[in-house]
Amino acid sequence: MSDPQFILAAAALAGLAMLLAAALTGWRDWLRLKHRQLGAEPAASPSASARIELADLRERIRKLEAIAAGVEL
């Protein structure tokens, strides 16, 4: 006859192995996802002309919002 403690320990070890395998698969998939996300983003910062244009557009939006709110500039 098999010892009940041995069967319980073997089942616990098998369960732990399955849990670790699932965790490792999830970790690898998460790393692959992050790698793809980093590869999709542009590495360079916007140029100076693009930043100036963006600041100009923000200023125009601020003025239009002030006009819509009825505030004198």
Protein backbone atom coordinates (compact mmCIF):
# COMPACT_ATOMS: atom_id res chain seq x y z
CA MET A 1 0.00 0.00 0.00
CA SER A 2 1.15 3.52 -0.73
CA ASP A 3 1.72 5.97 2.03
CA PRO A 4 -1.00 8.70 1.99
CA GLN A 5 1.57 11.38 2.77
CA PHE A 6 3.63 10.35 -0.24
CA ILE A 7 0.61 10.58 -2.54
CA LEU A 8 -0.31 13.98 -1.12
CA ALA A 9 3.26 15.28 -1.53
CA ALA A 10 3.47 13.98 -5.10
CA ALA A 11 0.14 15.63 -5.98
CA ALA A 12 1.26 18.91 -4.40
CA LEU A 13 4.54 18.79 -6.32
CA ALA A 14 2.73 18.09 -9.59
CA GLY A 15 0.33 20.97 -8.92
CA LEU A 16 3.20 23.31 -8.14
CA ALA A 17 4.96 22.30 -11.35
CA MET A 18 1.83 23.04 -13.40
CA LEU A 19 1.38 26.39 -11.67
CA LEU A 20 5.01 27.35 -12.33
CA ALA A 21 4.73 26.31 -15.98
CA ALA A 22 1.65 28.50 -16.42
CA ALA A 23 3.35 31.42 -14.68
CA LEU A 24 6.44 31.07 -16.87
CA THR A 25 4.31 31.03 -20.02
CA GLY A 26 2.47 34.15 -18.87
CA TRP A 27 5.74 35.91 -18.06
CA ARG A 28 7.19 35.11 -21.51
CA ASP A 29 4.02 36.32 -23.24
CA TRP A 30 4.05 39.54 -21.19
CA LEU A 31 7.69 40.17 -22.09
CA ARG A 32 6.91 39.54 -25.78
CA LEU A 33 4.01 42.04 -25.58
CA LYS A 34 6.19 44.71 -23.97
CA HIS A 35 8.91 44.11 -26.55
CA ARG A 36 6.38 44.66 -29.35
CA GLN A 37 5.05 47.81 -27.68
CA LEU A 38 8.53 49.27 -27.32
CA GLY A 39 9.32 48.47 -30.94
CA ALA A 40 6.17 50.23 -32.15
CA GLU A 41 6.88 53.52 -30.41
CA PRO A 42 9.12 56.08 -32.11
CA ALA A 43 12.48 56.33 -30.39
CA ALA A 44 13.26 59.93 -31.39
CA SER A 45 11.76 62.96 -29.70
CA PRO A 46 9.75 65.41 -31.80
CA SER A 47 11.72 68.03 -33.69
CA ALA A 48 11.86 71.65 -32.59
CA SER A 49 9.56 72.78 -35.40
CA ALA A 50 6.97 70.17 -34.41
CA ARG A 51 7.09 71.33 -30.79
CA ILE A 52 6.68 74.97 -31.85
CA GLU A 53 3.73 74.07 -34.06
CA LEU A 54 2.14 72.13 -31.22
CA ALA A 55 2.59 75.07 -28.82
CA ASP A 56 0.99 77.37 -31.44
CA LEU A 57 -1.99 75.04 -31.77
CA ARG A 58 -2.38 74.92 -28.00
CA GLU A 59 -2.35 78.72 -27.85
CA ARG A 60 -5.03 78.91 -30.55
CA ILE A 61 -7.18 76.42 -28.67
CA ARG A 62 -6.76 78.43 -25.46
CA LYS A 63 -7.88 81.61 -27.27
CA LEU A 64 -10.88 79.86 -28.85
CA GLU A 65 -11.93 78.48 -25.48
CA ALA A 66 -11.66 81.95 -23.96
CA ILE A 67 -13.79 83.39 -26.76
CA ALA A 68 -16.37 80.64 -26.25
CA ALA A 69 -16.46 81.38 -22.51
CA GLY A 70 -16.90 85.12 -23.23
CA VAL A 71 -13.61 86.21 -21.67
CA GLU A 72 -11.82 89.29 -23.08
CA LEU A 73 -8.20 88.67 -24.02
